[in-house]
Amino acid sequence: MDGYASLPRRLRLNGRHLHFAGFWFLALCCSLPALAAPNDGAIVAADTPISFTLLPQTLKDADIQVFNGAPAKSGDWRSIAISQSGSVDSTCTATFVGKGVLLTAAHCVVVGSNHFASPISIGPFRYRCSVDPAYLSTTQMPSVRHPADYALCLAEPYSGTVPAEFQRLLWDTLDLRAVAKNDLLLVAGYGCVSWTFNPATGHIADEPRDKTLAVGDFKVTDLDADSFSSESDGKTKSALCAGDSGGPAFSGVSAMNPGGARTIRGIASRKHVDDSKVVSHFASLSTPRFGRFLACWKKANPNAYVMVKTSGTTTVENLICGSDA
């Protein structure tokens, strides 16, 4: 994807665990648009699904590679999926955040110049996705149209035999607590693990990807109304790269210690070069806009459940579905 997520300092991994204590169950809905710059002019039928696949069940520690050779442990990343659509040149990452509920980037499901969200398919399951109205209503058509670059997708009813790999899925938790400057987070995605960066020209040449999950640590350096960002020198620090789009930004874990109780604070969205630095942008889950989006999704899908963590002053019941002020 044009200007999206991966890290020149990352781990390639797979897996994750499920958290319940202290979290709220939430009901939610879905709708989708699609991917990256190579398809900016594409028109895709509203019912044409974007194909994702699950991660391999397990990864051995010996299968993990770190960008600059540091040792690492595999963790558990069974909540994560990767896009495999033949109609899209770039990859995207998605995360299971509840029973039959996926979280990814809006630009991973709003394809080209479409003004609707395409469905996602994984194995025998089909997921209907929803994106924020602000993302669909913009008249501008960059690869990422709006900072509210998130989508929630809900599985349609299915009466067939559930494959074994879906019975072993794990869920990650949406974290609505405010993100602060200098917070240390970890991003996971299917982007590149190395690139060639010329600070003088701002040109980045991604090296080939092998569609292996990679993770990398980063520090939050700036906060905006609907997003947060991190700066990298493009050489030794993590930055987003093609293929990371839609990947989760976690708190509570790090590349060297991936086994903690993690929660999702944002979604990998895009990157740009500014003053010889690579700036990575993440759609934030702690904003009033995302709270309204989540409340509307819950109202439309009362029987869908997702794990949500809130602050002491905010509860799921306080979230109000409504238009922007």
C-alpha atoms as a PDB file:
ATOM      1  CA  MET A   1       0.000   0.000   0.000  1.00  0.00           C
ATOM      2  CA  ASP A   2       1.024   3.422  -0.901  1.00  0.00           C
ATOM      3  CA  GLY A   3       2.534   4.857   2.205  1.00  0.00           C
ATOM      4  CA  TYR A   4       1.402   2.368   4.764  1.00  0.00           C
ATOM      5  CA  ALA A   5       2.600   0.397   7.612  1.00  0.00           C
ATOM      6  CA  SER A   6       5.644  -1.835   8.352  1.00  0.00           C
ATOM      7  CA  LEU A   7       8.890  -1.524  10.171  1.00  0.00           C
ATOM      8  CA  PRO A   8      12.533  -1.503   9.339  1.00  0.00           C
ATOM      9  CA  ARG A   9      13.027  -2.759  12.841  1.00  0.00           C
ATOM     10  CA  ARG A  10      10.611  -5.579  13.391  1.00  0.00           C
ATOM     11  CA  LEU A  11      10.032  -9.155  14.257  1.00  0.00           C
ATOM     12  CA  ARG A  12       8.353 -11.669  12.044  1.00  0.00           C
ATOM     13  CA  LEU A  13       5.892 -13.632  14.169  1.00  0.00           C
ATOM     14  CA  ASN A  14       2.405 -15.136  14.621  1.00  0.00           C
ATOM     15  CA  GLY A  15      -0.226 -15.414  17.557  1.00  0.00           C
ATOM     16  CA  ARG A  16      -2.155 -13.871  20.590  1.00  0.00           C
ATOM     17  CA  HIS A  17      -4.326 -14.371  23.759  1.00  0.00           C
ATOM     18  CA  LEU A  18      -7.820 -13.566  24.899  1.00  0.00           C
ATOM     19  CA  HIS A  19      -8.579 -11.208  27.812  1.00  0.00           C
ATOM     20  CA  PHE A  20     -11.774 -10.955  29.827  1.00  0.00           C
ATOM     21  CA  ALA A  21     -11.214  -9.512  33.316  1.00  0.00           C
ATOM     22  CA  GLY A  22     -12.210  -5.882  33.626  1.00  0.00           C
ATOM     23  CA  PHE A  23     -13.427  -5.600  30.021  1.00  0.00           C
ATOM     24  CA  TRP A  24     -16.897  -4.806  28.711  1.00  0.00           C
ATOM     25  CA  PHE A  25     -18.719  -6.953  26.188  1.00  0.00           C
ATOM     26  CA  LEU A  26     -20.002  -4.864  23.296  1.00  0.00           C
ATOM     27  CA  ALA A  27     -22.386  -5.510  20.444  1.00  0.00           C
ATOM     28  CA  LEU A  28     -21.348  -4.274  17.007  1.00  0.00           C
ATOM     29  CA  CYS A  29     -21.922  -4.141  13.149  1.00  0.00           C
ATOM     30  CA  CYS A  30     -20.105  -3.898   9.736  1.00  0.00           C
ATOM     31  CA  SER A  31     -19.354  -2.328   6.211  1.00  0.00           C
ATOM     32  CA  LEU A  32     -16.211  -1.956   4.040  1.00  0.00           C
ATOM     33  CA  PRO A  33     -14.019  -0.189   1.416  1.00  0.00           C
ATOM     34  CA  ALA A  34     -10.637  -1.360  -0.014  1.00  0.00           C
ATOM     35  CA  LEU A  35      -6.924  -0.883  -0.611  1.00  0.00           C
ATOM     36  CA  ALA A  36      -3.999   1.124  -1.838  1.00  0.00           C
ATOM     37  CA  ALA A  37      -2.668   3.368  -4.492  1.00  0.00           C
ATOM     38  CA  PRO A  38      -2.263   0.848  -7.321  1.00  0.00           C
ATOM     39  CA  ASN A  39      -6.074   0.605  -7.379  1.00  0.00           C
ATOM     40  CA  ASP A  40      -7.031   4.228  -6.790  1.00  0.00           C
ATOM     41  CA  GLY A  41      -9.150   4.257  -9.942  1.00  0.00           C
ATOM     42  CA  ALA A  42     -10.660   0.830  -9.417  1.00  0.00           C
ATOM     43  CA  ILE A  43     -14.368   0.209  -9.129  1.00  0.00           C
ATOM     44  CA  VAL A  44     -15.278  -3.015  -7.353  1.00  0.00           C
ATOM     45  CA  ALA A  45     -18.798  -4.429  -7.149  1.00  0.00           C
ATOM     46  CA  ALA A  46     -20.379  -3.811  -3.744  1.00  0.00           C
ATOM     47  CA  ASP A  47     -20.729  -7.538  -3.102  1.00  0.00           C
ATOM     48  CA  THR A  48     -17.256  -8.591  -4.243  1.00  0.00           C
ATOM     49  CA  PRO A  49     -15.425  -9.737  -1.087  1.00  0.00           C
ATOM     50  CA  ILE A  50     -11.826  -9.001  -0.196  1.00  0.00           C
ATOM     51  CA  SER A  51     -10.153 -12.271   0.723  1.00  0.00           C
ATOM     52  CA  PHE A  52      -8.185 -12.671   3.958  1.00  0.00           C
ATOM     53  CA  THR A  53      -6.529 -15.741   5.463  1.00  0.00           C
ATOM     54  CA  LEU A  54      -5.660 -16.698   9.040  1.00  0.00           C
ATOM     55  CA  LEU A  55      -2.141 -16.832  10.403  1.00  0.00           C
ATOM     56  CA  PRO A  56      -0.497 -20.231  10.743  1.00  0.00           C
ATOM     57  CA  GLN A  57      -1.568 -21.809  14.027  1.00  0.00           C
ATOM     58  CA  THR A  58       1.795 -21.542  15.745  1.00  0.00           C
ATOM     59  CA  LEU A  59       5.299 -20.243  15.205  1.00  0.00           C
ATOM     60  CA  LYS A  60       8.395 -21.721  16.758  1.00  0.00           C
ATOM     61  CA  ASP A  61      10.930 -19.339  18.266  1.00  0.00           C
ATOM     62  CA  ALA A  62      13.377 -20.522  15.600  1.00  0.00           C
ATOM     63  CA  ASP A  63      11.023 -19.178  12.903  1.00  0.00           C
ATOM     64  CA  ILE A  64      11.218 -15.608  14.236  1.00  0.00           C
ATOM     65  CA  GLN A  65      13.558 -13.078  12.699  1.00  0.00           C
ATOM     66  CA  VAL A  66      14.356  -9.675  14.158  1.00  0.00           C
ATOM     67  CA  PHE A  67      15.523  -6.789  11.970  1.00  0.00           C
ATOM     68  CA  ASN A  68      18.865  -6.260  13.682  1.00  0.00           C
ATOM     69  CA  GLY A  69      19.424  -9.690  15.202  1.00  0.00           C
ATOM     70  CA  ALA A  70      18.049  -9.278  18.732  1.00  0.00           C
ATOM     71  CA  PRO A  71      16.549 -12.410  20.345  1.00  0.00           C
ATOM     72  CA  ALA A  72      12.776 -12.638  20.731  1.00  0.00           C
ATOM     73  CA  LYS A  73       9.899 -14.874  21.745  1.00  0.00           C
ATOM     74  CA  SER A  74       6.988 -15.726  19.496  1.00  0.00           C
ATOM     75  CA  GLY A  75       3.989 -14.774  21.632  1.00  0.00           C
ATOM     76  CA  ASP A  76       0.519 -15.777  20.447  1.00  0.00           C
ATOM     77  CA  TRP A  77      -0.921 -14.001  17.393  1.00  0.00           C
ATOM     78  CA  ARG A  78      -3.909 -16.169  16.452  1.00  0.00           C
ATOM     79  CA  SER A  79      -6.186 -13.109  16.402  1.00  0.00           C
ATOM     80  CA  ILE A  80      -4.567 -11.754  13.219  1.00  0.00           C
ATOM     81  CA  ALA A  81      -5.377 -12.267   9.517  1.00  0.00           C
ATOM     82  CA  ILE A  82      -3.836 -11.047   6.239  1.00  0.00           C
ATOM     83  CA  SER A  83      -5.567 -10.020   3.004  1.00  0.00           C
ATOM     84  CA  GLN A  84      -5.073 -12.340   0.039  1.00  0.00           C
ATOM     85  CA  SER A  85      -7.231 -10.729  -2.660  1.00  0.00           C
ATOM     86  CA  GLY A  86      -6.158 -11.322  -6.242  1.00  0.00           C
ATOM     87  CA  SER A  87      -7.750  -8.014  -7.283  1.00  0.00           C
ATOM     88  CA  VAL A  88      -5.617  -5.964  -4.892  1.00  0.00           C
ATOM     89  CA  ASP A  89      -1.864  -5.544  -5.289  1.00  0.00           C
ATOM     90  CA  SER A  90      -1.160  -4.695  -1.652  1.00  0.00           C
ATOM     91  CA  THR A  91      -1.707  -6.593   1.563  1.00  0.00           C
ATOM     92  CA  CYS A  92      -3.638  -5.543   4.655  1.00  0.00           C
ATOM     93  CA  THR A  93      -3.806  -6.809   8.215  1.00  0.00           C
ATOM     94  CA  ALA A  94      -6.954  -7.390  10.307  1.00  0.00           C
ATOM     95  CA  THR A  95      -7.529  -8.426  13.938  1.00  0.00           C
ATOM     96  CA  PHE A  96     -10.316 -10.421  15.580  1.00  0.00           C
ATOM     97  CA  VAL A  97     -11.716  -8.355  18.471  1.00  0.00           C
ATOM     98  CA  GLY A  98     -14.769 -10.456  19.340  1.00  0.00           C
ATOM     99  CA  LYS A  99     -16.857 -13.385  18.206  1.00  0.00           C
ATOM    100  CA  GLY A 100     -16.974 -13.008  14.431  1.00  0.00           C
ATOM    101  CA  VAL A 101     -15.789  -9.379  14.627  1.00  0.00           C
ATOM    102  CA  LEU A 102     -12.788  -8.001  12.701  1.00  0.00           C
ATOM    103  CA  LEU A 103     -10.996  -4.660  13.040  1.00  0.00           C
ATOM    104  CA  THR A 104      -8.988  -3.267  10.115  1.00  0.00           C
ATOM    105  CA  ALA A 105      -8.328   0.011   8.273  1.00  0.00           C
ATOM    106  CA  ALA A 106     -11.120   1.659   6.279  1.00  0.00           C
ATOM    107  CA  HIS A 107      -8.826   2.001   3.261  1.00  0.00           C
ATOM    108  CA  CYS A 108      -8.403  -1.780   3.276  1.00  0.00           C
ATOM    109  CA  VAL A 109     -12.099  -2.238   2.481  1.00  0.00           C
ATOM    110  CA  VAL A 110     -13.079   0.945   0.610  1.00  0.00           C
ATOM    111  CA  VAL A 111     -11.610   0.141  -2.796  1.00  0.00           C
ATOM    112  CA  GLY A 112     -10.345   2.837  -5.137  1.00  0.00           C
ATOM    113  CA  SER A 113     -12.949   5.590  -5.568  1.00  0.00           C
ATOM    114  CA  ASN A 114     -15.833   3.520  -4.174  1.00  0.00           C
ATOM    115  CA  HIS A 115     -18.238   5.068  -1.660  1.00  0.00           C
ATOM    116  CA  PHE A 116     -19.184   1.789  -0.014  1.00  0.00           C
ATOM    117  CA  ALA A 117     -17.453  -0.870   2.029  1.00  0.00           C
ATOM    118  CA  SER A 118     -16.742  -4.227   0.437  1.00  0.00           C
ATOM    119  CA  PRO A 119     -17.200  -7.429   2.460  1.00  0.00           C
ATOM    120  CA  ILE A 120     -14.331  -9.576   3.704  1.00  0.00           C
ATOM    121  CA  SER A 121     -14.151 -13.346   3.305  1.00  0.00           C
ATOM    122  CA  ILE A 122     -12.044 -15.698   5.439  1.00  0.00           C
ATOM    123  CA  GLY A 123     -12.492 -19.399   4.750  1.00  0.00           C
ATOM    124  CA  PRO A 124     -16.236 -20.175   4.667  1.00  0.00           C
ATOM    125  CA  PHE A 125     -17.127 -16.970   6.535  1.00  0.00           C
ATOM    126  CA  ARG A 126     -18.207 -13.624   5.083  1.00  0.00           C
ATOM    127  CA  TYR A 127     -17.943 -10.394   7.076  1.00  0.00           C
ATOM    128  CA  ARG A 128     -19.971  -7.228   6.447  1.00  0.00           C
ATOM    129  CA  CYS A 129     -18.023  -4.117   7.371  1.00  0.00           C
ATOM    130  CA  SER A 130     -18.775  -0.565   8.492  1.00  0.00           C
ATOM    131  CA  VAL A 131     -16.578   2.500   8.257  1.00  0.00           C
ATOM    132  CA  ASP A 132     -16.977   5.943   9.795  1.00  0.00           C
ATOM    133  CA  PRO A 133     -19.291   8.271   7.794  1.00  0.00           C
ATOM    134  CA  ALA A 134     -16.513  10.880   7.757  1.00  0.00           C
ATOM    135  CA  TYR A 135     -14.328   8.492   5.769  1.00  0.00           C
ATOM    136  CA  LEU A 136     -16.966   7.785   3.119  1.00  0.00           C
ATOM    137  CA  SER A 137     -18.294  11.339   2.815  1.00  0.00           C
ATOM    138  CA  THR A 138     -15.003  13.071   1.971  1.00  0.00           C
ATOM    139  CA  THR A 139     -14.724  14.374  -1.586  1.00  0.00           C
ATOM    140  CA  GLN A 140     -10.955  13.876  -1.696  1.00  0.00           C
ATOM    141  CA  MET A 141      -9.591  10.569  -2.968  1.00  0.00           C
ATOM    142  CA  PRO A 142      -6.094   9.895  -1.629  1.00  0.00           C
ATOM    143  CA  SER A 143      -5.254   6.320  -0.691  1.00  0.00           C
ATOM    144  CA  VAL A 144      -6.299   7.193   2.867  1.00  0.00           C
ATOM    145  CA  ARG A 145      -9.203   9.633   2.635  1.00  0.00           C
ATOM    146  CA  HIS A 146      -9.628  10.609   6.304  1.00  0.00           C
ATOM    147  CA  PRO A 147      -7.790  10.072   9.628  1.00  0.00           C
ATOM    148  CA  ALA A 148     -10.798   8.050  10.891  1.00  0.00           C
ATOM    149  CA  ASP A 149      -9.262   5.117   9.029  1.00  0.00           C
ATOM    150  CA  TYR A 150     -10.926   2.156  10.773  1.00  0.00           C
ATOM    151  CA  ALA A 151     -13.500  -0.491   9.911  1.00  0.00           C
ATOM    152  CA  LEU A 152     -15.405  -3.029  11.992  1.00  0.00           C
ATOM    153  CA  CYS A 153     -16.657  -6.153  10.246  1.00  0.00           C
ATOM    154  CA  LEU A 154     -19.212  -8.692  11.472  1.00  0.00           C
ATOM    155  CA  ALA A 155     -19.592 -12.289  10.312  1.00  0.00           C
ATOM    156  CA  GLU A 156     -22.812 -13.160   8.510  1.00  0.00           C
ATOM    157  CA  PRO A 157     -24.863 -16.126   9.814  1.00  0.00           C
ATOM    158  CA  TYR A 158     -23.244 -19.454   8.977  1.00  0.00           C
ATOM    159  CA  SER A 159     -24.755 -22.911   9.487  1.00  0.00           C
ATOM    160  CA  GLY A 160     -21.977 -25.124   8.116  1.00  0.00           C
ATOM    161  CA  THR A 161     -19.167 -26.949   9.871  1.00  0.00           C
ATOM    162  CA  VAL A 162     -16.725 -24.561  11.542  1.00  0.00           C
ATOM    163  CA  PRO A 163     -13.122 -25.337  10.486  1.00  0.00           C
ATOM    164  CA  ALA A 164     -10.774 -26.289  13.320  1.00  0.00           C
ATOM    165  CA  GLU A 165      -8.590 -23.188  12.912  1.00  0.00           C
ATOM    166  CA  PHE A 166     -11.595 -20.930  13.577  1.00  0.00           C
ATOM    167  CA  GLN A 167     -12.360 -22.816  16.782  1.00  0.00           C
ATOM    168  CA  ARG A 168      -8.912 -21.871  18.097  1.00  0.00           C
ATOM    169  CA  LEU A 169      -9.112 -18.157  17.283  1.00  0.00           C
ATOM    170  CA  LEU A 170      -8.258 -15.647  19.991  1.00  0.00           C
ATOM    171  CA  TRP A 171      -9.600 -12.098  20.439  1.00  0.00           C
ATOM    172  CA  ASP A 172      -7.815  -8.868  21.153  1.00  0.00           C
ATOM    173  CA  THR A 173      -9.393  -5.978  23.069  1.00  0.00           C
ATOM    174  CA  LEU A 174     -10.307  -2.470  21.876  1.00  0.00           C
ATOM    175  CA  ASP A 175      -8.865   0.078  24.320  1.00  0.00           C
ATOM    176  CA  LEU A 176     -10.735   3.400  24.486  1.00  0.00           C
ATOM    177  CA  ARG A 177      -8.397   4.970  27.047  1.00  0.00           C
ATOM    178  CA  ALA A 178      -6.596   8.107  25.898  1.00  0.00           C
ATOM    179  CA  VAL A 179      -3.241   7.716  24.162  1.00  0.00           C
ATOM    180  CA  ALA A 180      -0.525  10.111  25.391  1.00  0.00           C
ATOM    181  CA  LYS A 181       2.730  11.420  23.953  1.00  0.00           C
ATOM    182  CA  ASN A 182       5.685   9.146  24.720  1.00  0.00           C
ATOM    183  CA  ASP A 183       3.457   6.090  25.140  1.00  0.00           C
ATOM    184  CA  LEU A 184       5.350   2.980  24.048  1.00  0.00           C
ATOM    185  CA  LEU A 185       3.340   0.775  21.692  1.00  0.00           C
ATOM    186  CA  LEU A 186       3.912  -2.175  19.389  1.00  0.00           C
ATOM    187  CA  VAL A 187       2.528  -2.509  15.869  1.00  0.00           C
ATOM    188  CA  ALA A 188       1.922  -5.828  14.105  1.00  0.00           C
ATOM    189  CA  GLY A 189       1.440  -6.244  10.364  1.00  0.00           C
ATOM    190  CA  TYR A 190       2.455  -7.919   7.137  1.00  0.00           C
ATOM    191  CA  GLY A 191       4.677  -5.132   5.889  1.00  0.00           C
ATOM    192  CA  CYS A 192       8.345  -5.092   4.943  1.00  0.00           C
ATOM    193  CA  VAL A 193      11.071  -5.735   7.506  1.00  0.00           C
ATOM    194  CA  SER A 194      13.619  -3.539   5.744  1.00  0.00           C
ATOM    195  CA  TRP A 195      13.862  -0.782   3.119  1.00  0.00           C
ATOM    196  CA  THR A 196      16.254   1.698   1.524  1.00  0.00           C
ATOM    197  CA  PHE A 197      15.565   5.271   2.695  1.00  0.00           C
ATOM    198  CA  ASN A 198      17.169   8.435   1.307  1.00  0.00           C
ATOM    199  CA  PRO A 199      16.594  11.256   3.857  1.00  0.00           C
ATOM    200  CA  ALA A 200      17.724  13.896   1.349  1.00  0.00           C
ATOM    201  CA  THR A 201      15.036  13.060  -1.206  1.00  0.00           C
ATOM    202  CA  GLY A 202      12.509  11.341   1.067  1.00  0.00           C
ATOM    203  CA  HIS A 203      12.480   8.344  -1.276  1.00  0.00           C
ATOM    204  CA  ILE A 204      11.715   4.952   0.279  1.00  0.00           C
ATOM    205  CA  ALA A 205      12.277   1.704  -1.626  1.00  0.00           C
ATOM    206  CA  ASP A 206      10.589  -1.191   0.172  1.00  0.00           C
ATOM    207  CA  GLU A 207      12.391  -4.504   0.000  1.00  0.00           C
ATOM    208  CA  PRO A 208      10.414  -7.639  -0.963  1.00  0.00           C
ATOM    209  CA  ARG A 209       7.891  -8.937   1.573  1.00  0.00           C
ATOM    210  CA  ASP A 210       7.277 -12.593   2.276  1.00  0.00           C
ATOM    211  CA  LYS A 211       3.836 -12.110   3.878  1.00  0.00           C
ATOM    212  CA  THR A 212       5.159 -13.034   7.304  1.00  0.00           C
ATOM    213  CA  LEU A 213       3.819 -11.239  10.364  1.00  0.00           C
ATOM    214  CA  ALA A 214       6.252  -8.616  11.669  1.00  0.00           C
ATOM    215  CA  VAL A 215       6.122  -6.559  14.867  1.00  0.00           C
ATOM    216  CA  GLY A 216       8.016  -3.475  15.996  1.00  0.00           C
ATOM    217  CA  ASP A 217       8.112  -1.046  18.925  1.00  0.00           C
ATOM    218  CA  PHE A 218       7.493   2.686  18.566  1.00  0.00           C
ATOM    219  CA  LYS A 219       6.941   5.797  20.695  1.00  0.00           C
ATOM    220  CA  VAL A 220       3.972   8.149  20.214  1.00  0.00           C
ATOM    221  CA  THR A 221       5.352  11.570  19.261  1.00  0.00           C
ATOM    222  CA  ASP A 222       2.257  13.562  18.251  1.00  0.00           C
ATOM    223  CA  LEU A 223      -1.512  13.572  18.808  1.00  0.00           C
ATOM    224  CA  ASP A 224      -4.234  14.798  16.428  1.00  0.00           C
ATOM    225  CA  ALA A 225      -8.035  14.886  16.639  1.00  0.00           C
ATOM    226  CA  ASP A 226      -8.548  11.432  15.104  1.00  0.00           C
ATOM    227  CA  SER A 227      -5.064   9.941  15.076  1.00  0.00           C
ATOM    228  CA  PHE A 228      -1.634   9.730  16.655  1.00  0.00           C
ATOM    229  CA  SER A 229       1.781   9.416  15.041  1.00  0.00           C
ATOM    230  CA  SER A 230       5.365   8.317  15.552  1.00  0.00           C
ATOM    231  CA  GLU A 231       8.619   9.594  14.025  1.00  0.00           C
ATOM    232  CA  SER A 232      11.454   7.388  12.776  1.00  0.00           C
ATOM    233  CA  ASP A 233      14.878   8.039  11.311  1.00  0.00           C
ATOM    234  CA  GLY A 234      13.946   5.412   8.723  1.00  0.00           C
ATOM    235  CA  LYS A 235      16.994   3.325   9.614  1.00  0.00           C
ATOM    236  CA  THR A 236      17.035   2.088  13.216  1.00  0.00           C
ATOM    237  CA  LYS A 237      13.527   2.886  14.497  1.00  0.00           C
ATOM    238  CA  SER A 238      10.222   1.248  13.564  1.00  0.00           C
ATOM    239  CA  ALA A 239       8.048   2.865  10.901  1.00  0.00           C
ATOM    240  CA  LEU A 240       5.030   1.798   8.880  1.00  0.00           C
ATOM    241  CA  CYS A 241       5.579   0.154   5.500  1.00  0.00           C
ATOM    242  CA  ALA A 242       3.483  -1.319   2.692  1.00  0.00           C
ATOM    243  CA  GLY A 243       1.425  -4.239   4.014  1.00  0.00           C
ATOM    244  CA  ASP A 244       1.005  -3.063   7.624  1.00  0.00           C
ATOM    245  CA  SER A 245      -2.248  -1.227   6.807  1.00  0.00           C
ATOM    246  CA  GLY A 246      -4.996  -2.145   9.245  1.00  0.00           C
ATOM    247  CA  GLY A 247      -2.557  -3.714  11.694  1.00  0.00           C
ATOM    248  CA  PRO A 248      -3.114  -3.211  15.441  1.00  0.00           C
ATOM    249  CA  ALA A 249      -1.026  -0.852  17.586  1.00  0.00           C
ATOM    250  CA  PHE A 250      -0.830  -2.579  20.983  1.00  0.00           C
ATOM    251  CA  SER A 251      -0.040  -1.385  24.481  1.00  0.00           C
ATOM    252  CA  GLY A 252       1.118  -3.751  27.224  1.00  0.00           C
ATOM    253  CA  VAL A 253       3.595  -5.708  25.071  1.00  0.00           C
ATOM    254  CA  SER A 254       6.858  -5.168  23.201  1.00  0.00           C
ATOM    255  CA  ALA A 255       8.804  -6.941  20.468  1.00  0.00           C
ATOM    256  CA  MET A 256      11.093  -8.550  23.042  1.00  0.00           C
ATOM    257  CA  ASN A 257       8.258  -9.305  25.493  1.00  0.00           C
ATOM    258  CA  PRO A 258       5.150 -10.079  23.400  1.00  0.00           C
ATOM    259  CA  GLY A 259       3.371 -12.274  25.933  1.00  0.00           C
ATOM    260  CA  GLY A 260       1.718  -9.666  28.177  1.00  0.00           C
ATOM    261  CA  ALA A 261      -1.908  -8.560  28.499  1.00  0.00           C
ATOM    262  CA  ARG A 262      -2.188  -6.394  25.392  1.00  0.00           C
ATOM    263  CA  THR A 263      -4.913  -4.062  24.154  1.00  0.00           C
ATOM    264  CA  ILE A 264      -5.393  -2.238  20.822  1.00  0.00           C
ATOM    265  CA  ARG A 265      -4.906   1.553  20.935  1.00  0.00           C
ATOM    266  CA  GLY A 266      -4.921   2.329  17.210  1.00  0.00           C
ATOM    267  CA  ILE A 267      -4.849   1.056  13.623  1.00  0.00           C
ATOM    268  CA  ALA A 268      -1.916   1.370  11.209  1.00  0.00           C
ATOM    269  CA  SER A 269      -3.003   3.870   8.547  1.00  0.00           C
ATOM    270  CA  ARG A 270      -0.298   5.612   6.477  1.00  0.00           C
ATOM    271  CA  LYS A 271       3.164   7.177   6.472  1.00  0.00           C
ATOM    272  CA  HIS A 272       4.847  10.208   4.948  1.00  0.00           C
ATOM    273  CA  VAL A 273       8.332  11.740   4.965  1.00  0.00           C
ATOM    274  CA  ASP A 274       8.725  15.107   6.705  1.00  0.00           C
ATOM    275  CA  ASP A 275      12.049  16.893   7.225  1.00  0.00           C
ATOM    276  CA  SER A 276      14.069  13.695   6.620  1.00  0.00           C
ATOM    277  CA  LYS A 277      11.941  11.729   9.092  1.00  0.00           C
ATOM    278  CA  VAL A 278       9.434   8.973   8.380  1.00  0.00           C
ATOM    279  CA  VAL A 279       6.160   9.801  10.155  1.00  0.00           C
ATOM    280  CA  SER A 280       3.786   6.875  10.762  1.00  0.00           C
ATOM    281  CA  HIS A 281       0.089   7.628  11.375  1.00  0.00           C
ATOM    282  CA  PHE A 282      -2.389   5.500  13.318  1.00  0.00           C
ATOM    283  CA  ALA A 283      -6.178   5.902  13.515  1.00  0.00           C
ATOM    284  CA  SER A 284      -6.933   6.343  17.222  1.00  0.00           C
ATOM    285  CA  LEU A 285      -9.572   4.323  19.104  1.00  0.00           C
ATOM    286  CA  SER A 286      -9.724   6.785  22.027  1.00  0.00           C
ATOM    287  CA  THR A 287     -11.388   9.685  20.191  1.00  0.00           C
ATOM    288  CA  PRO A 288     -14.980  10.942  20.545  1.00  0.00           C
ATOM    289  CA  ARG A 289     -15.498  10.134  16.856  1.00  0.00           C
ATOM    290  CA  PHE A 290     -14.561   6.479  17.325  1.00  0.00           C
ATOM    291  CA  GLY A 291     -16.781   6.332  20.425  1.00  0.00           C
ATOM    292  CA  ARG A 292     -19.763   7.530  18.365  1.00  0.00           C
ATOM    293  CA  PHE A 293     -18.926   5.072  15.593  1.00  0.00           C
ATOM    294  CA  LEU A 294     -18.721   2.209  18.084  1.00  0.00           C
ATOM    295  CA  ALA A 295     -22.027   3.207  19.708  1.00  0.00           C
ATOM    296  CA  CYS A 296     -23.798   3.333  16.336  1.00  0.00           C
ATOM    297  CA  TRP A 297     -22.366  -0.043  15.404  1.00  0.00           C
ATOM    298  CA  LYS A 298     -23.545  -1.487  18.716  1.00  0.00           C
ATOM    299  CA  LYS A 299     -27.022  -0.083  18.168  1.00  0.00           C
ATOM    300  CA  ALA A 300     -27.220  -1.573  14.670  1.00  0.00           C
ATOM    301  CA  ASN A 301     -25.889  -4.967  15.790  1.00  0.00           C
ATOM    302  CA  PRO A 302     -27.133  -5.687  19.314  1.00  0.00           C
ATOM    303  CA  ASN A 303     -26.218  -9.374  19.156  1.00  0.00           C
ATOM    304  CA  ALA A 304     -22.589  -8.936  18.116  1.00  0.00           C
ATOM    305  CA  TYR A 305     -19.939  -8.862  20.833  1.00  0.00           C
ATOM    306  CA  VAL A 306     -16.498  -7.331  21.067  1.00  0.00           C
ATOM    307  CA  MET A 307     -14.124  -6.872  23.979  1.00  0.00           C
ATOM    308  CA  VAL A 308     -13.684  -3.223  25.027  1.00  0.00           C
ATOM    309  CA  LYS A 309     -11.602  -1.623  27.777  1.00  0.00           C
ATOM    310  CA  THR A 310     -12.525   1.865  28.994  1.00  0.00           C
ATOM    311  CA  SER A 311     -11.220   4.435  31.462  1.00  0.00           C
ATOM    312  CA  GLY A 312     -12.699   4.981  34.908  1.00  0.00           C
ATOM    313  CA  THR A 313     -14.800   7.919  33.678  1.00  0.00           C
ATOM    314  CA  THR A 314     -16.053   6.295  30.479  1.00  0.00           C
ATOM    315  CA  THR A 315     -18.254   3.231  30.126  1.00  0.00           C
ATOM    316  CA  VAL A 316     -19.703   1.523  27.104  1.00  0.00           C
ATOM    317  CA  GLU A 317     -23.138   2.708  28.193  1.00  0.00           C
ATOM    318  CA  ASN A 318     -21.939   6.335  28.025  1.00  0.00           C
ATOM    319  CA  LEU A 319     -21.089   6.079  24.342  1.00  0.00           C
ATOM    320  CA  ILE A 320     -23.706   7.889  22.260  1.00  0.00           C
ATOM    321  CA  CYS A 321     -24.534   7.223  18.628  1.00  0.00           C
ATOM    322  CA  GLY A 322     -24.819  10.529  16.801  1.00  0.00           C
ATOM    323  CA  SER A 323     -23.403  12.802  14.129  1.00  0.00           C
ATOM    324  CA  ASP A 324     -20.338  14.992  14.609  1.00  0.00           C
ATOM    325  CA  ALA A 325     -20.846  18.294  16.348  1.00  0.00           C
END
